[in-house]
Amino acid sequence: MPTIEDVIARIPAWQGRAVEAAPLTGGLTNTNYRVTVDGVPYVVRIPGASTELLSVNREYEYHNTLAAAQSGVGARIIHYLPEFSVMVLEFIDGQTMSSARLREPAQIPRIAAAARALHAGPAFANRFDMFRTMDFYLDIVQRHGFRIPDGYIDYVPVARRIEAALAVRPLPLVPCNNDLLAENFIDDGARLRLVDYEYSGTNDPCFELGNICNENDFAPEQVGQLCAAYFGQATPALVARMWLFYCMSNIGWVLWGSIQNSISTIEFDFWEWTLVKWRKAQEKVDAPEFAQWLSDVQR
């Protein structure tokens, strides 16, 4: 992967200008920088090593980032270096959100509005299916002998049950970010903007909503509120659909964490992150409500 100096040197429009670069913290896959050119800030996104093992396709990411910008919620691409899959993005002037802020009652309608805008926007280039992504990740960890939590294989049949239940009454697929942890929401003062389209693809909108609830530790009443804000109603079937994708989000991302624990060069405790996801998966699948969710989503 190129250094930030390599990137700066390859952008003709920046030559002979005052350029300053500083790392941005928080990324778990890539290396990000804030680069200021004659006082104008940009974000430079340099892909991490071996991310093909994480089912990341940089061509899809580029196409979908362009589409998300057209929807009004994503950041615009200012420069692109295809030889490195490096994007120089518009710097969105605003506050990076936290999970605590996203759980505030006033934020839930704003989350729903941002998701609806993205989902109604231009088509994405690919399909994202967490069930097939889980299969891809499972093959990777088994072939490479990567460490996974004890008992994980016992939950693969659970994922098959979730998939079968969700397939009974499918929803139309829409362009989704699929990775909306708090740091991928930026409040620009007028609306919530959504960034980072590495795992983006056309998907069930309830995966997006369930994953948001999962990543930001929404309480059950907040899950219902987000469902109502997005769909206009919180029916048992829709709420159950969100909860099942909440479960599947954890089951799938556990394997992502296991792979990152083995390949990433980023200074981060990926194993502890993996165990947190694993405990959340177990908690929801073993909950008494789980059987009811499987029933409700098929009605």
C-alpha atoms as a PDB file:
ATOM      1  CA  MET A   1       0.000   0.000   0.000  1.00  0.00           C
ATOM      2  CA  PRO A   2       1.200   3.547  -0.708  1.00  0.00           C
ATOM      3  CA  THR A   3       2.269   5.994   1.965  1.00  0.00           C
ATOM      4  CA  ILE A   4       0.462   9.285   2.364  1.00  0.00           C
ATOM      5  CA  GLU A   5       3.502  10.938   0.758  1.00  0.00           C
ATOM      6  CA  ASP A   6       3.074   8.680  -2.293  1.00  0.00           C
ATOM      7  CA  VAL A   7      -0.564   9.702  -2.576  1.00  0.00           C
ATOM      8  CA  ILE A   8       0.138  13.418  -2.284  1.00  0.00           C
ATOM      9  CA  ALA A   9       2.874  13.175  -4.931  1.00  0.00           C
ATOM     10  CA  ARG A  10       0.485  11.508  -7.415  1.00  0.00           C
ATOM     11  CA  ILE A  11      -2.200  14.211  -7.371  1.00  0.00           C
ATOM     12  CA  PRO A  12      -1.210  16.859  -9.927  1.00  0.00           C
ATOM     13  CA  ALA A  13      -3.660  19.434  -8.549  1.00  0.00           C
ATOM     14  CA  TRP A  14      -1.800  19.442  -5.227  1.00  0.00           C
ATOM     15  CA  GLN A  15       1.663  20.050  -6.585  1.00  0.00           C
ATOM     16  CA  GLY A  16       3.279  23.332  -5.593  1.00  0.00           C
ATOM     17  CA  ARG A  17       0.656  23.987  -2.936  1.00  0.00           C
ATOM     18  CA  ALA A  18       0.784  24.014   0.855  1.00  0.00           C
ATOM     19  CA  VAL A  19      -0.107  20.453   1.837  1.00  0.00           C
ATOM     20  CA  GLU A  20      -0.282  19.119   5.398  1.00  0.00           C
ATOM     21  CA  ALA A  21      -1.327  15.588   6.404  1.00  0.00           C
ATOM     22  CA  ALA A  22      -2.331  14.125   9.775  1.00  0.00           C
ATOM     23  CA  PRO A  23      -3.673  10.637  10.619  1.00  0.00           C
ATOM     24  CA  LEU A  24      -7.340  10.194  11.489  1.00  0.00           C
ATOM     25  CA  THR A  25      -8.017   7.692  14.257  1.00  0.00           C
ATOM     26  CA  GLY A  26     -10.805   5.139  14.501  1.00  0.00           C
ATOM     27  CA  GLY A  27     -10.556   3.094  11.302  1.00  0.00           C
ATOM     28  CA  LEU A  28     -10.388  -0.688  11.758  1.00  0.00           C
ATOM     29  CA  THR A  29      -9.600  -1.662   8.159  1.00  0.00           C
ATOM     30  CA  ASN A  30      -7.937   1.257   6.385  1.00  0.00           C
ATOM     31  CA  THR A  31      -5.556   4.116   7.134  1.00  0.00           C
ATOM     32  CA  ASN A  32      -7.226   7.508   6.917  1.00  0.00           C
ATOM     33  CA  TYR A  33      -5.718  10.977   6.834  1.00  0.00           C
ATOM     34  CA  ARG A  34      -6.926  14.527   7.009  1.00  0.00           C
ATOM     35  CA  VAL A  35      -5.002  16.369   4.305  1.00  0.00           C
ATOM     36  CA  THR A  36      -5.213  20.154   4.139  1.00  0.00           C
ATOM     37  CA  VAL A  37      -4.353  21.786   0.791  1.00  0.00           C
ATOM     38  CA  ASP A  38      -4.019  25.567   0.942  1.00  0.00           C
ATOM     39  CA  GLY A  39      -6.311  25.481   3.973  1.00  0.00           C
ATOM     40  CA  VAL A  40      -8.970  23.237   2.385  1.00  0.00           C
ATOM     41  CA  PRO A  41      -9.387  19.881   4.205  1.00  0.00           C
ATOM     42  CA  TYR A  42      -9.891  16.492   2.551  1.00  0.00           C
ATOM     43  CA  VAL A  43      -9.977  12.881   3.738  1.00  0.00           C
ATOM     44  CA  VAL A  44      -7.555  10.427   2.137  1.00  0.00           C
ATOM     45  CA  ARG A  45      -8.519   6.774   2.451  1.00  0.00           C
ATOM     46  CA  ILE A  46      -5.717   4.232   1.944  1.00  0.00           C
ATOM     47  CA  PRO A  47      -6.901   0.598   1.893  1.00  0.00           C
ATOM     48  CA  GLY A  48      -5.556  -1.851   4.451  1.00  0.00           C
ATOM     49  CA  ALA A  49      -3.498  -4.887   3.515  1.00  0.00           C
ATOM     50  CA  SER A  50      -5.133  -8.209   2.543  1.00  0.00           C
ATOM     51  CA  THR A  51      -8.662  -6.817   2.786  1.00  0.00           C
ATOM     52  CA  GLU A  52      -9.750  -9.161  -0.013  1.00  0.00           C
ATOM     53  CA  LEU A  53      -9.893 -11.743   2.801  1.00  0.00           C
ATOM     54  CA  LEU A  54     -12.636  -9.592   4.322  1.00  0.00           C
ATOM     55  CA  SER A  55     -14.704  -9.764   1.102  1.00  0.00           C
ATOM     56  CA  VAL A  56     -13.910  -6.152   0.250  1.00  0.00           C
ATOM     57  CA  ASN A  57     -14.063  -5.221  -3.434  1.00  0.00           C
ATOM     58  CA  ARG A  58     -12.504  -1.802  -4.055  1.00  0.00           C
ATOM     59  CA  GLU A  59     -14.197  -1.297  -7.435  1.00  0.00           C
ATOM     60  CA  TYR A  60     -17.582  -1.795  -5.813  1.00  0.00           C
ATOM     61  CA  GLU A  61     -16.599   0.538  -2.968  1.00  0.00           C
ATOM     62  CA  TYR A  62     -15.665   3.272  -5.455  1.00  0.00           C
ATOM     63  CA  HIS A  63     -18.887   2.909  -7.469  1.00  0.00           C
ATOM     64  CA  ASN A  64     -21.067   2.829  -4.365  1.00  0.00           C
ATOM     65  CA  THR A  65     -19.307   5.824  -2.791  1.00  0.00           C
ATOM     66  CA  LEU A  66     -20.106   7.807  -5.932  1.00  0.00           C
ATOM     67  CA  ALA A  67     -23.742   6.680  -5.748  1.00  0.00           C
ATOM     68  CA  ALA A  68     -24.014   7.521  -2.041  1.00  0.00           C
ATOM     69  CA  ALA A  69     -22.722  11.039  -2.727  1.00  0.00           C
ATOM     70  CA  GLN A  70     -25.419  11.452  -5.383  1.00  0.00           C
ATOM     71  CA  SER A  71     -28.040  10.461  -2.811  1.00  0.00           C
ATOM     72  CA  GLY A  72     -26.962  13.447  -0.711  1.00  0.00           C
ATOM     73  CA  VAL A  73     -25.786  11.528   2.344  1.00  0.00           C
ATOM     74  CA  GLY A  74     -22.311  10.378   1.293  1.00  0.00           C
ATOM     75  CA  ALA A  75     -19.109  12.362   0.843  1.00  0.00           C
ATOM     76  CA  ARG A  76     -18.062  13.366  -2.681  1.00  0.00           C
ATOM     77  CA  ILE A  77     -14.974  11.813  -4.236  1.00  0.00           C
ATOM     78  CA  ILE A  78     -12.541  14.593  -5.186  1.00  0.00           C
ATOM     79  CA  HIS A  79      -9.668  12.476  -6.550  1.00  0.00           C
ATOM     80  CA  TYR A  80      -9.229   8.759  -7.174  1.00  0.00           C
ATOM     81  CA  LEU A  81      -6.025   6.772  -7.686  1.00  0.00           C
ATOM     82  CA  PRO A  82      -7.229   3.503  -9.247  1.00  0.00           C
ATOM     83  CA  GLU A  83      -3.770   1.908  -9.167  1.00  0.00           C
ATOM     84  CA  PHE A  84      -3.959   1.993  -5.344  1.00  0.00           C
ATOM     85  CA  SER A  85      -7.756   2.152  -4.895  1.00  0.00           C
ATOM     86  CA  VAL A  86      -7.130   5.336  -2.920  1.00  0.00           C
ATOM     87  CA  MET A  87      -9.952   7.864  -2.611  1.00  0.00           C
ATOM     88  CA  VAL A  88      -9.623  11.524  -1.721  1.00  0.00           C
ATOM     89  CA  LEU A  89     -12.965  12.496  -0.262  1.00  0.00           C
ATOM     90  CA  GLU A  90     -14.775  15.673   0.633  1.00  0.00           C
ATOM     91  CA  PHE A  91     -14.178  16.541   4.289  1.00  0.00           C
ATOM     92  CA  ILE A  92     -17.605  16.799   5.906  1.00  0.00           C
ATOM     93  CA  ASP A  93     -17.496  19.605   8.444  1.00  0.00           C
ATOM     94  CA  GLY A  94     -19.471  18.276  11.367  1.00  0.00           C
ATOM     95  CA  GLN A  95     -19.514  16.194  14.510  1.00  0.00           C
ATOM     96  CA  THR A  96     -18.668  12.502  14.355  1.00  0.00           C
ATOM     97  CA  MET A  97     -21.438  10.768  16.251  1.00  0.00           C
ATOM     98  CA  SER A  98     -21.132   8.461  19.246  1.00  0.00           C
ATOM     99  CA  SER A  99     -23.369   5.534  20.129  1.00  0.00           C
ATOM    100  CA  ALA A 100     -24.657   7.445  23.142  1.00  0.00           C
ATOM    101  CA  ARG A 101     -25.729  10.374  20.962  1.00  0.00           C
ATOM    102  CA  LEU A 102     -27.358   8.111  18.373  1.00  0.00           C
ATOM    103  CA  ARG A 103     -29.473   6.587  21.141  1.00  0.00           C
ATOM    104  CA  GLU A 104     -30.949   9.990  22.031  1.00  0.00           C
ATOM    105  CA  PRO A 105     -34.676  10.165  21.129  1.00  0.00           C
ATOM    106  CA  ALA A 106     -34.168  13.186  18.863  1.00  0.00           C
ATOM    107  CA  GLN A 107     -31.607  11.333  16.759  1.00  0.00           C
ATOM    108  CA  ILE A 108     -33.695   8.294  15.844  1.00  0.00           C
ATOM    109  CA  PRO A 109     -35.864  10.106  13.236  1.00  0.00           C
ATOM    110  CA  ARG A 110     -32.666  11.612  11.782  1.00  0.00           C
ATOM    111  CA  ILE A 111     -31.088   8.153  11.514  1.00  0.00           C
ATOM    112  CA  ALA A 112     -34.189   6.894   9.720  1.00  0.00           C
ATOM    113  CA  ALA A 113     -34.191   9.888   7.355  1.00  0.00           C
ATOM    114  CA  ALA A 114     -30.528   9.369   6.429  1.00  0.00           C
ATOM    115  CA  ALA A 115     -31.078   5.658   5.828  1.00  0.00           C
ATOM    116  CA  ARG A 116     -34.164   6.296   3.693  1.00  0.00           C
ATOM    117  CA  ALA A 117     -32.276   8.842   1.573  1.00  0.00           C
ATOM    118  CA  LEU A 118     -29.449   6.383   0.927  1.00  0.00           C
ATOM    119  CA  HIS A 119     -31.866   3.517   0.266  1.00  0.00           C
ATOM    120  CA  ALA A 120     -33.824   5.621  -2.260  1.00  0.00           C
ATOM    121  CA  GLY A 121     -30.670   6.768  -4.046  1.00  0.00           C
ATOM    122  CA  PRO A 122     -28.807   5.525  -7.129  1.00  0.00           C
ATOM    123  CA  ALA A 123     -28.275   1.782  -7.469  1.00  0.00           C
ATOM    124  CA  PHE A 124     -25.191   0.123  -6.041  1.00  0.00           C
ATOM    125  CA  ALA A 125     -22.951  -2.151  -8.089  1.00  0.00           C
ATOM    126  CA  ASN A 126     -23.203  -5.321  -6.032  1.00  0.00           C
ATOM    127  CA  ARG A 127     -25.236  -7.409  -3.625  1.00  0.00           C
ATOM    128  CA  PHE A 128     -24.303  -7.677   0.059  1.00  0.00           C
ATOM    129  CA  ASP A 129     -25.729 -10.764   1.753  1.00  0.00           C
ATOM    130  CA  MET A 130     -24.519 -11.449   5.288  1.00  0.00           C
ATOM    131  CA  PHE A 131     -25.403 -15.128   4.976  1.00  0.00           C
ATOM    132  CA  ARG A 132     -23.110 -15.581   1.977  1.00  0.00           C
ATOM    133  CA  THR A 133     -20.523 -13.299   3.587  1.00  0.00           C
ATOM    134  CA  MET A 134     -20.564 -15.546   6.660  1.00  0.00           C
ATOM    135  CA  ASP A 135     -19.952 -18.552   4.405  1.00  0.00           C
ATOM    136  CA  PHE A 136     -17.047 -16.715   2.729  1.00  0.00           C
ATOM    137  CA  TYR A 137     -15.517 -15.760   6.080  1.00  0.00           C
ATOM    138  CA  LEU A 138     -16.002 -19.251   7.500  1.00  0.00           C
ATOM    139  CA  ASP A 139     -14.141 -20.748   4.565  1.00  0.00           C
ATOM    140  CA  ILE A 140     -11.291 -18.268   5.117  1.00  0.00           C
ATOM    141  CA  VAL A 141     -10.907 -19.005   8.831  1.00  0.00           C
ATOM    142  CA  GLN A 142     -11.093 -22.756   8.324  1.00  0.00           C
ATOM    143  CA  ARG A 143      -8.620 -22.847   5.423  1.00  0.00           C
ATOM    144  CA  HIS A 144      -6.130 -20.615   7.219  1.00  0.00           C
ATOM    145  CA  GLY A 145      -6.671 -22.058  10.686  1.00  0.00           C
ATOM    146  CA  PHE A 146      -7.597 -18.677  12.163  1.00  0.00           C
ATOM    147  CA  ARG A 147      -8.816 -18.614  15.748  1.00  0.00           C
ATOM    148  CA  ILE A 148     -12.603 -18.384  16.276  1.00  0.00           C
ATOM    149  CA  PRO A 149     -14.609 -18.398  19.518  1.00  0.00           C
ATOM    150  CA  ASP A 150     -15.357 -21.762  21.098  1.00  0.00           C
ATOM    151  CA  GLY A 151     -18.768 -23.055  20.053  1.00  0.00           C
ATOM    152  CA  TYR A 152     -19.086 -20.830  17.005  1.00  0.00           C
ATOM    153  CA  ILE A 153     -19.721 -23.712  14.598  1.00  0.00           C
ATOM    154  CA  ASP A 154     -22.790 -24.679  16.644  1.00  0.00           C
ATOM    155  CA  TYR A 155     -24.389 -21.376  15.612  1.00  0.00           C
ATOM    156  CA  VAL A 156     -24.073 -21.958  11.858  1.00  0.00           C
ATOM    157  CA  PRO A 157     -27.356 -23.948  11.820  1.00  0.00           C
ATOM    158  CA  VAL A 158     -28.932 -21.044  13.729  1.00  0.00           C
ATOM    159  CA  ALA A 159     -27.913 -18.729  10.883  1.00  0.00           C
ATOM    160  CA  ARG A 160     -29.582 -21.132   8.421  1.00  0.00           C
ATOM    161  CA  ARG A 161     -32.810 -20.968  10.453  1.00  0.00           C
ATOM    162  CA  ILE A 162     -32.692 -17.166  10.439  1.00  0.00           C
ATOM    163  CA  GLU A 163     -32.105 -17.122   6.684  1.00  0.00           C
ATOM    164  CA  ALA A 164     -35.027 -19.468   6.021  1.00  0.00           C
ATOM    165  CA  ALA A 165     -37.407 -17.455   8.198  1.00  0.00           C
ATOM    166  CA  LEU A 166     -36.442 -14.140   6.564  1.00  0.00           C
ATOM    167  CA  ALA A 167     -36.873 -15.627   3.082  1.00  0.00           C
ATOM    168  CA  VAL A 168     -40.579 -16.363   3.613  1.00  0.00           C
ATOM    169  CA  ARG A 169     -41.622 -12.724   3.091  1.00  0.00           C
ATOM    170  CA  PRO A 170     -38.651 -10.881   1.574  1.00  0.00           C
ATOM    171  CA  LEU A 171     -38.495  -7.097   1.293  1.00  0.00           C
ATOM    172  CA  PRO A 172     -37.308  -5.251  -1.830  1.00  0.00           C
ATOM    173  CA  LEU A 173     -33.539  -4.782  -1.805  1.00  0.00           C
ATOM    174  CA  VAL A 174     -32.073  -1.267  -1.584  1.00  0.00           C
ATOM    175  CA  PRO A 175     -28.605   0.366  -1.598  1.00  0.00           C
ATOM    176  CA  CYS A 176     -27.189  -0.108   1.916  1.00  0.00           C
ATOM    177  CA  ASN A 177     -24.041   0.936   3.753  1.00  0.00           C
ATOM    178  CA  ASN A 178     -24.155  -2.243   5.915  1.00  0.00           C
ATOM    179  CA  ASP A 179     -21.582  -0.932   8.419  1.00  0.00           C
ATOM    180  CA  LEU A 180     -23.186   1.974  10.240  1.00  0.00           C
ATOM    181  CA  LEU A 181     -21.346   2.064  13.519  1.00  0.00           C
ATOM    182  CA  ALA A 182     -21.452   5.445  15.244  1.00  0.00           C
ATOM    183  CA  GLU A 183     -18.246   6.750  13.672  1.00  0.00           C
ATOM    184  CA  ASN A 184     -19.778   6.410  10.198  1.00  0.00           C
ATOM    185  CA  PHE A 185     -22.440   9.008  11.056  1.00  0.00           C
ATOM    186  CA  ILE A 186     -21.437  12.672  10.806  1.00  0.00           C
ATOM    187  CA  ASP A 187     -23.816  15.440  11.857  1.00  0.00           C
ATOM    188  CA  ASP A 188     -23.233  18.357   9.473  1.00  0.00           C
ATOM    189  CA  GLY A 189     -25.682  20.527  11.386  1.00  0.00           C
ATOM    190  CA  ALA A 190     -28.546  19.951   8.965  1.00  0.00           C
ATOM    191  CA  ARG A 191     -28.647  16.193   8.576  1.00  0.00           C
ATOM    192  CA  LEU A 192     -26.770  13.009   9.387  1.00  0.00           C
ATOM    193  CA  ARG A 193     -24.291  12.054   6.691  1.00  0.00           C
ATOM    194  CA  LEU A 194     -23.199   8.445   6.151  1.00  0.00           C
ATOM    195  CA  VAL A 195     -19.605   7.567   5.279  1.00  0.00           C
ATOM    196  CA  ASP A 196     -17.461   4.467   4.597  1.00  0.00           C
ATOM    197  CA  TYR A 197     -18.882   2.228   1.855  1.00  0.00           C
ATOM    198  CA  GLU A 198     -16.348  -0.591   2.122  1.00  0.00           C
ATOM    199  CA  TYR A 199     -19.002  -3.214   2.918  1.00  0.00           C
ATOM    200  CA  SER A 200     -21.794  -1.537   0.974  1.00  0.00           C
ATOM    201  CA  GLY A 201     -24.126  -3.278  -1.423  1.00  0.00           C
ATOM    202  CA  THR A 202     -27.767  -3.850  -2.247  1.00  0.00           C
ATOM    203  CA  ASN A 203     -29.432  -5.450   0.755  1.00  0.00           C
ATOM    204  CA  ASP A 204     -32.582  -5.846   2.816  1.00  0.00           C
ATOM    205  CA  PRO A 205     -33.260  -2.483   4.537  1.00  0.00           C
ATOM    206  CA  CYS A 206     -33.840  -4.325   7.800  1.00  0.00           C
ATOM    207  CA  PHE A 207     -30.240  -5.511   7.789  1.00  0.00           C
ATOM    208  CA  GLU A 208     -29.176  -1.862   7.745  1.00  0.00           C
ATOM    209  CA  LEU A 209     -31.572  -0.995  10.556  1.00  0.00           C
ATOM    210  CA  GLY A 210     -30.790  -4.078  12.635  1.00  0.00           C
ATOM    211  CA  ASN A 211     -27.074  -3.532  12.219  1.00  0.00           C
ATOM    212  CA  ILE A 212     -27.411   0.107  13.330  1.00  0.00           C
ATOM    213  CA  CYS A 213     -29.237  -1.090  16.443  1.00  0.00           C
ATOM    214  CA  ASN A 214     -26.572  -3.723  17.063  1.00  0.00           C
ATOM    215  CA  GLU A 215     -23.549  -1.474  16.553  1.00  0.00           C
ATOM    216  CA  ASN A 216     -24.986   1.242  18.768  1.00  0.00           C
ATOM    217  CA  ASP A 217     -26.501  -0.926  21.524  1.00  0.00           C
ATOM    218  CA  PHE A 218     -30.110   0.126  21.071  1.00  0.00           C
ATOM    219  CA  ALA A 219     -32.555  -0.965  23.758  1.00  0.00           C
ATOM    220  CA  PRO A 220     -35.691  -2.854  22.621  1.00  0.00           C
ATOM    221  CA  GLU A 221     -37.841   0.281  22.732  1.00  0.00           C
ATOM    222  CA  GLN A 222     -35.307   2.106  20.545  1.00  0.00           C
ATOM    223  CA  VAL A 223     -35.412  -0.738  18.006  1.00  0.00           C
ATOM    224  CA  GLY A 224     -39.167  -0.249  17.768  1.00  0.00           C
ATOM    225  CA  GLN A 225     -38.791   3.536  17.508  1.00  0.00           C
ATOM    226  CA  LEU A 226     -36.309   3.242  14.630  1.00  0.00           C
ATOM    227  CA  CYS A 227     -38.606   0.775  12.877  1.00  0.00           C
ATOM    228  CA  ALA A 228     -41.549   3.191  13.193  1.00  0.00           C
ATOM    229  CA  ALA A 229     -39.447   6.170  12.091  1.00  0.00           C
ATOM    230  CA  TYR A 230     -38.235   4.335   8.982  1.00  0.00           C
ATOM    231  CA  PHE A 231     -41.341   2.403   7.901  1.00  0.00           C
ATOM    232  CA  GLY A 232     -44.061   4.568   9.439  1.00  0.00           C
ATOM    233  CA  GLN A 233     -45.112   1.696  11.685  1.00  0.00           C
ATOM    234  CA  ALA A 234     -43.513  -0.870  13.945  1.00  0.00           C
ATOM    235  CA  THR A 235     -45.349  -4.088  13.138  1.00  0.00           C
ATOM    236  CA  PRO A 236     -44.277  -7.301  14.898  1.00  0.00           C
ATOM    237  CA  ALA A 237     -43.033  -8.691  11.570  1.00  0.00           C
ATOM    238  CA  LEU A 238     -40.826  -5.672  10.812  1.00  0.00           C
ATOM    239  CA  VAL A 239     -39.450  -5.423  14.343  1.00  0.00           C
ATOM    240  CA  ALA A 240     -38.716  -9.168  14.303  1.00  0.00           C
ATOM    241  CA  ARG A 241     -36.948  -8.761  10.970  1.00  0.00           C
ATOM    242  CA  MET A 242     -34.700  -6.099  12.464  1.00  0.00           C
ATOM    243  CA  TRP A 243     -33.946  -8.274  15.495  1.00  0.00           C
ATOM    244  CA  LEU A 244     -33.059 -11.294  13.368  1.00  0.00           C
ATOM    245  CA  PHE A 245     -30.669  -9.207  11.306  1.00  0.00           C
ATOM    246  CA  TYR A 246     -29.317  -7.808  14.589  1.00  0.00           C
ATOM    247  CA  CYS A 247     -28.492 -11.417  15.510  1.00  0.00           C
ATOM    248  CA  MET A 248     -27.065 -12.195  12.082  1.00  0.00           C
ATOM    249  CA  SER A 249     -24.970  -9.061  12.120  1.00  0.00           C
ATOM    250  CA  ASN A 250     -23.166 -10.329  15.206  1.00  0.00           C
ATOM    251  CA  ILE A 251     -22.860 -13.896  13.931  1.00  0.00           C
ATOM    252  CA  GLY A 252     -21.277 -12.659  10.699  1.00  0.00           C
ATOM    253  CA  TRP A 253     -19.029  -9.942  12.110  1.00  0.00           C
ATOM    254  CA  VAL A 254     -17.577 -12.404  14.657  1.00  0.00           C
ATOM    255  CA  LEU A 255     -15.750 -14.050  11.749  1.00  0.00           C
ATOM    256  CA  TRP A 256     -14.673 -10.657  10.386  1.00  0.00           C
ATOM    257  CA  GLY A 257     -13.055  -9.986  13.745  1.00  0.00           C
ATOM    258  CA  SER A 258     -11.395 -13.393  13.760  1.00  0.00           C
ATOM    259  CA  ILE A 259      -9.822 -12.697  10.363  1.00  0.00           C
ATOM    260  CA  GLN A 260      -8.707  -9.214  11.370  1.00  0.00           C
ATOM    261  CA  ASN A 261      -7.227 -10.628  14.556  1.00  0.00           C
ATOM    262  CA  SER A 262      -4.950 -12.734  12.355  1.00  0.00           C
ATOM    263  CA  ILE A 263      -4.100 -10.378   9.479  1.00  0.00           C
ATOM    264  CA  SER A 264      -4.455  -6.746  10.535  1.00  0.00           C
ATOM    265  CA  THR A 265      -1.444  -4.517  11.165  1.00  0.00           C
ATOM    266  CA  ILE A 266      -3.615  -1.893  12.927  1.00  0.00           C
ATOM    267  CA  GLU A 267      -2.962  -1.440  16.645  1.00  0.00           C
ATOM    268  CA  PHE A 268      -6.286  -2.681  17.995  1.00  0.00           C
ATOM    269  CA  ASP A 269      -7.490  -5.602  20.141  1.00  0.00           C
ATOM    270  CA  PHE A 270      -9.505  -7.416  17.484  1.00  0.00           C
ATOM    271  CA  TRP A 271      -9.885 -10.536  19.620  1.00  0.00           C
ATOM    272  CA  GLU A 272     -11.651  -8.670  22.404  1.00  0.00           C
ATOM    273  CA  TRP A 273     -13.831  -6.971  19.766  1.00  0.00           C
ATOM    274  CA  THR A 274     -14.664 -10.427  18.388  1.00  0.00           C
ATOM    275  CA  LEU A 275     -15.612 -11.755  21.810  1.00  0.00           C
ATOM    276  CA  VAL A 276     -17.931  -8.811  22.428  1.00  0.00           C
ATOM    277  CA  LYS A 277     -19.775  -9.598  19.178  1.00  0.00           C
ATOM    278  CA  TRP A 278     -19.837 -13.281  20.084  1.00  0.00           C
ATOM    279  CA  ARG A 279     -21.371 -12.640  23.497  1.00  0.00           C
ATOM    280  CA  LYS A 280     -24.026 -10.392  21.925  1.00  0.00           C
ATOM    281  CA  ALA A 281     -24.858 -13.080  19.353  1.00  0.00           C
ATOM    282  CA  GLN A 282     -25.273 -15.703  22.059  1.00  0.00           C
ATOM    283  CA  GLU A 283     -27.353 -13.413  24.253  1.00  0.00           C
ATOM    284  CA  LYS A 284     -29.946 -12.706  21.550  1.00  0.00           C
ATOM    285  CA  VAL A 285     -30.098 -16.183  20.014  1.00  0.00           C
ATOM    286  CA  ASP A 286     -30.524 -17.742  23.462  1.00  0.00           C
ATOM    287  CA  ALA A 287     -33.164 -15.193  24.501  1.00  0.00           C
ATOM    288  CA  PRO A 288     -36.776 -16.391  24.907  1.00  0.00           C
ATOM    289  CA  GLU A 289     -37.861 -13.839  22.273  1.00  0.00           C
ATOM    290  CA  PHE A 290     -35.797 -15.494  19.535  1.00  0.00           C
ATOM    291  CA  ALA A 291     -38.398 -18.165  18.696  1.00  0.00           C
ATOM    292  CA  GLN A 292     -41.086 -15.476  18.557  1.00  0.00           C
ATOM    293  CA  TRP A 293     -39.006 -13.404  16.125  1.00  0.00           C
ATOM    294  CA  LEU A 294     -38.661 -16.423  13.829  1.00  0.00           C
ATOM    295  CA  SER A 295     -42.438 -16.836  13.931  1.00  0.00           C
ATOM    296  CA  ASP A 296     -43.390 -13.167  13.605  1.00  0.00           C
ATOM    297  CA  VAL A 297     -41.160 -12.484  10.594  1.00  0.00           C
ATOM    298  CA  GLN A 298     -42.973 -15.132   8.565  1.00  0.00           C
ATOM    299  CA  ARG A 299     -46.460 -13.676   9.088  1.00  0.00           C
END
